[in-house]
Every structure is written in C-alpha cells, then in structure tokens.
Amino acid sequence: MSEPKTPNWIELVYEMVRKIPKGRVCTYGTIADHIGVKATSRMVGWAMNASHRAKPRVPAHRVVNRNGLLTGKHHFETPTLMQELLEAEGVQVMDDKIVDFKKHLWQPG
C-alpha cells in the first residue's frame, strides 16, 4: 500500500483559492502566509499564472495584490476578463482596482 501523496505548495495555493467565496477577493500575500510553507506572494502569482490548466477550476480572478489592484489581469484570455468575472460576482472594479476593497477582502478562517 502506498502512502498518501503530500500536496506540493502549488496544490496548496489552488486549494486555498478555491475556498474564496464568490463576490470576495484575497491577496497573494495572505495566501502565501496561510498555506504554511515558505511561499512568497510572488510565488503565489506564478501559481495563479498557471492555474488555467488546473482541474478542478481555480477562480484566479479572485486573487489581487495587497492594494486591491488587478495585477494579474494580463494573464487572462483577454485584458478585461478578470474584471468581467469579478463584476459578474458583484465586485465593482474601477481603474483596475477593487472598489471598497476592505468590504470584499476575504481572510481565511
């Protein structure tokens, strides 16, 4: 019998991002801090850039920088898709920044 596979840090990032509720956002740094490995916010960004290949789907549009900016928008199929996905969930975006950022910010339990 083989031992269960230990998830790597990218899988931990994806698991965390899948927990972000619709209509909420989380930051790269919060995710890095919460997964409990020596991941940095930049490493979380790299994971998000590759997340379109992950199954089940990873809602990468819900991950923003510490100021609420859509810094990862250029990694979506179109430059406006990240904003469109957030707005479809009720999150208003103006000038590539979440409006009322603190209201929409999700902190893991």
N, C-alpha and C. Protein backbone atom coordinates (compact mmCIF):
# COMPACT_ATOMS: atom_id res chain seq x y z
N MET A 1 0.85 -1.18 0.00
CA MET A 1 0.00 0.00 0.00
C MET A 1 0.89 1.24 0.00
N SER A 2 0.62 2.18 -0.89
CA SER A 2 1.44 3.39 -0.95
C SER A 2 0.92 4.44 0.02
N GLU A 3 1.84 5.31 0.44
CA GLU A 3 1.46 6.38 1.36
C GLU A 3 0.73 7.48 0.59
N PRO A 4 -0.17 8.20 1.27
CA PRO A 4 -0.86 9.30 0.58
C PRO A 4 0.14 10.35 0.13
N LYS A 5 -0.15 10.92 -1.02
CA LYS A 5 0.72 11.95 -1.59
C LYS A 5 0.57 13.25 -0.80
N THR A 6 1.68 13.85 -0.44
CA THR A 6 1.65 15.15 0.23
C THR A 6 1.51 16.23 -0.84
N PRO A 7 0.53 17.13 -0.68
CA PRO A 7 0.36 18.16 -1.71
C PRO A 7 1.57 19.09 -1.78
N ASN A 8 1.92 19.49 -2.99
CA ASN A 8 3.01 20.45 -3.12
C ASN A 8 2.45 21.85 -2.89
N TRP A 9 3.31 22.84 -2.83
CA TRP A 9 2.85 24.19 -2.47
C TRP A 9 1.89 24.75 -3.51
N ILE A 10 2.04 24.40 -4.77
CA ILE A 10 1.11 24.91 -5.80
C ILE A 10 -0.29 24.34 -5.55
N GLU A 11 -0.37 23.05 -5.23
CA GLU A 11 -1.67 22.46 -4.92
C GLU A 11 -2.29 23.12 -3.69
N LEU A 12 -1.46 23.46 -2.70
CA LEU A 12 -1.96 24.15 -1.51
C LEU A 12 -2.52 25.53 -1.87
N VAL A 13 -1.84 26.23 -2.77
CA VAL A 13 -2.33 27.54 -3.23
C VAL A 13 -3.69 27.36 -3.89
N TYR A 14 -3.79 26.39 -4.80
CA TYR A 14 -5.04 26.18 -5.53
C TYR A 14 -6.18 25.79 -4.58
N GLU A 15 -5.90 24.94 -3.60
CA GLU A 15 -6.92 24.57 -2.63
C GLU A 15 -7.43 25.80 -1.88
N MET A 16 -6.52 26.67 -1.50
CA MET A 16 -6.89 27.89 -0.78
C MET A 16 -7.73 28.82 -1.65
N VAL A 17 -7.31 29.02 -2.89
CA VAL A 17 -8.02 29.93 -3.79
C VAL A 17 -9.43 29.39 -4.07
N ARG A 18 -9.58 28.09 -4.15
CA ARG A 18 -10.91 27.51 -4.38
C ARG A 18 -11.86 27.78 -3.21
N LYS A 19 -11.33 28.12 -2.06
CA LYS A 19 -12.16 28.41 -0.88
C LYS A 19 -12.65 29.86 -0.83
N ILE A 20 -12.08 30.73 -1.65
CA ILE A 20 -12.50 32.14 -1.65
C ILE A 20 -13.95 32.20 -2.15
N PRO A 21 -14.86 32.73 -1.35
CA PRO A 21 -16.27 32.77 -1.77
C PRO A 21 -16.50 33.71 -2.96
N LYS A 22 -17.54 33.42 -3.71
CA LYS A 22 -17.94 34.32 -4.81
C LYS A 22 -18.20 35.70 -4.22
N GLY A 23 -17.79 36.73 -4.96
CA GLY A 23 -18.00 38.09 -4.51
C GLY A 23 -16.96 38.59 -3.52
N ARG A 24 -15.95 37.78 -3.28
CA ARG A 24 -14.88 38.16 -2.35
C ARG A 24 -13.54 38.00 -3.06
N VAL A 25 -12.51 38.62 -2.52
CA VAL A 25 -11.15 38.51 -3.06
C VAL A 25 -10.18 38.26 -1.92
N CYS A 26 -9.01 37.78 -2.28
CA CYS A 26 -7.95 37.55 -1.31
C CYS A 26 -6.65 38.03 -1.95
N THR A 27 -5.64 38.27 -1.14
CA THR A 27 -4.37 38.77 -1.68
C THR A 27 -3.35 37.66 -1.82
N TYR A 28 -2.39 37.89 -2.71
CA TYR A 28 -1.30 36.95 -2.91
C TYR A 28 -0.57 36.69 -1.58
N GLY A 29 -0.30 37.75 -0.84
CA GLY A 29 0.44 37.64 0.41
C GLY A 29 -0.32 36.87 1.48
N THR A 30 -1.62 37.09 1.58
CA THR A 30 -2.43 36.35 2.56
C THR A 30 -2.40 34.87 2.25
N ILE A 31 -2.51 34.53 0.97
CA ILE A 31 -2.47 33.13 0.58
C ILE A 31 -1.11 32.53 0.92
N ALA A 32 -0.04 33.24 0.59
CA ALA A 32 1.32 32.76 0.90
C ALA A 32 1.48 32.53 2.39
N ASP A 33 1.02 33.47 3.20
CA ASP A 33 1.13 33.33 4.66
C ASP A 33 0.32 32.15 5.18
N HIS A 34 -0.86 31.95 4.62
CA HIS A 34 -1.78 30.96 5.15
C HIS A 34 -1.41 29.52 4.81
N ILE A 35 -0.78 29.28 3.68
CA ILE A 35 -0.53 27.89 3.30
C ILE A 35 0.58 27.24 4.12
N GLY A 36 1.30 28.04 4.88
CA GLY A 36 2.23 27.48 5.84
C GLY A 36 3.53 26.93 5.29
N VAL A 37 3.87 27.30 4.09
CA VAL A 37 5.17 26.93 3.55
C VAL A 37 5.91 28.22 3.22
N LYS A 38 7.14 28.12 2.88
CA LYS A 38 7.92 29.32 2.63
C LYS A 38 7.64 29.89 1.24
N ALA A 39 6.37 29.98 0.90
CA ALA A 39 5.97 30.58 -0.37
C ALA A 39 5.88 32.09 -0.19
N THR A 40 6.19 32.81 -1.23
CA THR A 40 6.07 34.26 -1.20
C THR A 40 4.87 34.68 -2.06
N SER A 41 4.47 35.92 -1.93
CA SER A 41 3.37 36.41 -2.76
C SER A 41 3.71 36.27 -4.24
N ARG A 42 4.96 36.46 -4.59
CA ARG A 42 5.38 36.30 -5.99
C ARG A 42 5.19 34.86 -6.46
N MET A 43 5.49 33.91 -5.59
CA MET A 43 5.30 32.50 -5.95
C MET A 43 3.81 32.18 -6.13
N VAL A 44 2.97 32.78 -5.29
CA VAL A 44 1.52 32.61 -5.45
C VAL A 44 1.10 33.17 -6.81
N GLY A 45 1.66 34.30 -7.20
CA GLY A 45 1.38 34.87 -8.51
C GLY A 45 1.76 33.92 -9.63
N TRP A 46 2.91 33.29 -9.51
CA TRP A 46 3.33 32.31 -10.54
C TRP A 46 2.32 31.17 -10.61
N ALA A 47 1.88 30.69 -9.45
CA ALA A 47 0.89 29.61 -9.43
C ALA A 47 -0.40 30.06 -10.10
N MET A 48 -0.82 31.29 -9.85
CA MET A 48 -2.04 31.80 -10.47
C MET A 48 -1.89 31.90 -11.99
N ASN A 49 -0.70 32.28 -12.45
CA ASN A 49 -0.47 32.38 -13.89
C ASN A 49 -0.66 31.05 -14.60
N ALA A 50 -0.39 29.95 -13.91
CA ALA A 50 -0.52 28.62 -14.50
C ALA A 50 -1.83 27.94 -14.12
N SER A 51 -2.68 28.59 -13.37
CA SER A 51 -3.86 27.95 -12.82
C SER A 51 -4.92 27.59 -13.86
N HIS A 52 -4.86 28.18 -15.04
CA HIS A 52 -5.88 27.88 -16.05
C HIS A 52 -5.84 26.42 -16.49
N ARG A 53 -4.74 25.73 -16.19
CA ARG A 53 -4.62 24.30 -16.54
C ARG A 53 -5.12 23.39 -15.43
N ALA A 54 -5.36 23.92 -14.25
CA ALA A 54 -5.70 23.09 -13.08
C ALA A 54 -7.12 22.56 -13.15
N LYS A 55 -7.28 21.36 -12.63
CA LYS A 55 -8.60 20.76 -12.51
C LYS A 55 -8.71 20.27 -11.06
N PRO A 56 -9.79 20.53 -10.33
CA PRO A 56 -10.89 21.40 -10.76
C PRO A 56 -10.44 22.84 -10.92
N ARG A 57 -11.32 23.61 -11.53
CA ARG A 57 -11.03 25.00 -11.87
C ARG A 57 -10.62 25.81 -10.65
N VAL A 58 -9.71 26.76 -10.88
CA VAL A 58 -9.22 27.66 -9.83
C VAL A 58 -9.73 29.07 -10.17
N PRO A 59 -10.51 29.71 -9.27
CA PRO A 59 -11.02 31.05 -9.54
C PRO A 59 -9.94 32.13 -9.34
N ALA A 60 -8.96 32.13 -10.21
CA ALA A 60 -7.80 33.02 -10.09
C ALA A 60 -8.19 34.50 -10.13
N HIS A 61 -9.34 34.80 -10.69
CA HIS A 61 -9.77 36.20 -10.76
C HIS A 61 -10.03 36.79 -9.38
N ARG A 62 -10.14 35.96 -8.37
CA ARG A 62 -10.40 36.43 -7.00
C ARG A 62 -9.12 36.74 -6.23
N VAL A 63 -7.97 36.67 -6.88
CA VAL A 63 -6.70 36.94 -6.21
C VAL A 63 -6.12 38.25 -6.75
N VAL A 64 -5.90 39.19 -5.83
CA VAL A 64 -5.43 40.53 -6.19
C VAL A 64 -4.24 40.91 -5.32
N ASN A 65 -3.63 42.05 -5.61
CA ASN A 65 -2.49 42.44 -4.77
C ASN A 65 -2.98 43.09 -3.48
N ARG A 66 -2.06 43.44 -2.61
CA ARG A 66 -2.41 43.92 -1.26
C ARG A 66 -3.17 45.24 -1.26
N ASN A 67 -3.19 45.93 -2.40
CA ASN A 67 -3.93 47.18 -2.51
C ASN A 67 -5.24 47.02 -3.27
N GLY A 68 -5.56 45.80 -3.63
CA GLY A 68 -6.80 45.55 -4.37
C GLY A 68 -6.67 45.75 -5.87
N LEU A 69 -5.45 45.82 -6.37
CA LEU A 69 -5.22 46.01 -7.81
C LEU A 69 -5.26 44.68 -8.55
N LEU A 70 -5.79 44.70 -9.76
CA LEU A 70 -5.87 43.51 -10.61
C LEU A 70 -4.55 43.31 -11.34
N THR A 71 -3.51 43.05 -10.60
CA THR A 71 -2.17 42.94 -11.20
C THR A 71 -2.01 41.71 -12.07
N GLY A 72 -2.86 40.71 -11.92
CA GLY A 72 -2.75 39.50 -12.73
C GLY A 72 -3.61 39.50 -13.97
N LYS A 73 -4.25 40.62 -14.28
CA LYS A 73 -5.23 40.65 -15.37
C LYS A 73 -4.63 40.30 -16.73
N HIS A 74 -3.36 40.52 -16.92
CA HIS A 74 -2.72 40.26 -18.22
C HIS A 74 -2.52 38.78 -18.49
N HIS A 75 -2.78 37.95 -17.49
CA HIS A 75 -2.61 36.52 -17.66
C HIS A 75 -3.92 35.80 -17.98
N PHE A 76 -4.98 36.58 -18.18
CA PHE A 76 -6.27 36.02 -18.57
C PHE A 76 -6.39 36.08 -20.10
N GLU A 77 -7.38 35.38 -20.63
CA GLU A 77 -7.55 35.30 -22.08
C GLU A 77 -7.66 36.67 -22.73
N THR A 78 -8.31 37.60 -22.07
CA THR A 78 -8.39 38.97 -22.56
C THR A 78 -8.01 39.91 -21.41
N PRO A 79 -7.57 41.12 -21.71
CA PRO A 79 -7.18 42.05 -20.64
C PRO A 79 -8.32 42.47 -19.71
N THR A 80 -9.56 42.27 -20.14
CA THR A 80 -10.70 42.69 -19.31
C THR A 80 -11.42 41.52 -18.63
N LEU A 81 -11.00 40.29 -18.90
CA LEU A 81 -11.73 39.13 -18.38
C LEU A 81 -11.73 39.07 -16.86
N MET A 82 -10.62 39.37 -16.21
CA MET A 82 -10.55 39.33 -14.75
C MET A 82 -11.60 40.27 -14.16
N GLN A 83 -11.65 41.48 -14.66
CA GLN A 83 -12.63 42.46 -14.19
C GLN A 83 -14.05 41.98 -14.47
N GLU A 84 -14.29 41.44 -15.65
CA GLU A 84 -15.63 40.96 -16.01
C GLU A 84 -16.09 39.85 -15.07
N LEU A 85 -15.19 38.93 -14.74
CA LEU A 85 -15.54 37.83 -13.83
C LEU A 85 -15.86 38.35 -12.43
N LEU A 86 -15.07 39.30 -11.95
CA LEU A 86 -15.33 39.89 -10.63
C LEU A 86 -16.66 40.64 -10.63
N GLU A 87 -16.90 41.43 -11.66
CA GLU A 87 -18.14 42.20 -11.72
C GLU A 87 -19.37 41.28 -11.82
N ALA A 88 -19.22 40.15 -12.48
CA ALA A 88 -20.32 39.18 -12.56
C ALA A 88 -20.66 38.62 -11.18
N GLU A 89 -19.71 38.71 -10.25
CA GLU A 89 -19.93 38.25 -8.87
C GLU A 89 -20.30 39.40 -7.94
N GLY A 90 -20.49 40.58 -8.49
CA GLY A 90 -20.91 41.72 -7.68
C GLY A 90 -19.79 42.58 -7.13
N VAL A 91 -18.56 42.36 -7.58
CA VAL A 91 -17.42 43.15 -7.12
C VAL A 91 -17.17 44.26 -8.14
N GLN A 92 -17.30 45.49 -7.70
CA GLN A 92 -17.09 46.63 -8.59
C GLN A 92 -15.60 46.92 -8.72
N VAL A 93 -15.18 47.20 -9.96
CA VAL A 93 -13.78 47.50 -10.25
C VAL A 93 -13.73 48.83 -11.00
N MET A 94 -12.83 49.70 -10.57
CA MET A 94 -12.64 50.98 -11.25
C MET A 94 -11.14 51.22 -11.40
N ASP A 95 -10.71 51.51 -12.61
CA ASP A 95 -9.30 51.75 -12.89
C ASP A 95 -8.42 50.59 -12.39
N ASP A 96 -8.86 49.36 -12.68
CA ASP A 96 -8.13 48.14 -12.32
C ASP A 96 -7.97 47.94 -10.82
N LYS A 97 -8.86 48.51 -10.01
CA LYS A 97 -8.79 48.39 -8.56
C LYS A 97 -10.18 48.06 -8.00
N ILE A 98 -10.20 47.17 -7.00
CA ILE A 98 -11.45 46.80 -6.35
C ILE A 98 -12.00 48.01 -5.60
N VAL A 99 -13.25 48.35 -5.88
CA VAL A 99 -13.93 49.43 -5.16
C VAL A 99 -14.38 48.85 -3.82
N ASP A 100 -14.15 49.60 -2.75
CA ASP A 100 -14.49 49.16 -1.39
C ASP A 100 -13.77 47.85 -1.08
N PHE A 101 -12.47 47.86 -1.30
CA PHE A 101 -11.63 46.68 -1.19
C PHE A 101 -11.79 45.95 0.14
N LYS A 102 -11.78 46.67 1.25
CA LYS A 102 -11.86 46.02 2.57
C LYS A 102 -13.17 45.25 2.74
N LYS A 103 -14.24 45.73 2.14
CA LYS A 103 -15.53 45.06 2.22
C LYS A 103 -15.47 43.70 1.52
N HIS A 104 -14.75 43.60 0.44
CA HIS A 104 -14.69 42.38 -0.37
C HIS A 104 -13.53 41.47 0.01
N LEU A 105 -12.64 41.94 0.88
CA LEU A 105 -11.46 41.16 1.24
C LEU A 105 -11.84 39.97 2.13
N TRP A 106 -11.44 38.80 1.70
CA TRP A 106 -11.70 37.56 2.44
C TRP A 106 -10.44 37.14 3.18
N GLN A 107 -10.60 36.83 4.44
CA GLN A 107 -9.50 36.33 5.25
C GLN A 107 -9.82 34.88 5.60
N PRO A 108 -8.90 33.97 5.35
CA PRO A 108 -9.17 32.57 5.68
C PRO A 108 -9.35 32.38 7.19
N GLY A 109 -10.24 31.46 7.53
CA GLY A 109 -10.58 31.20 8.93
C GLY A 109 -9.45 30.62 9.68
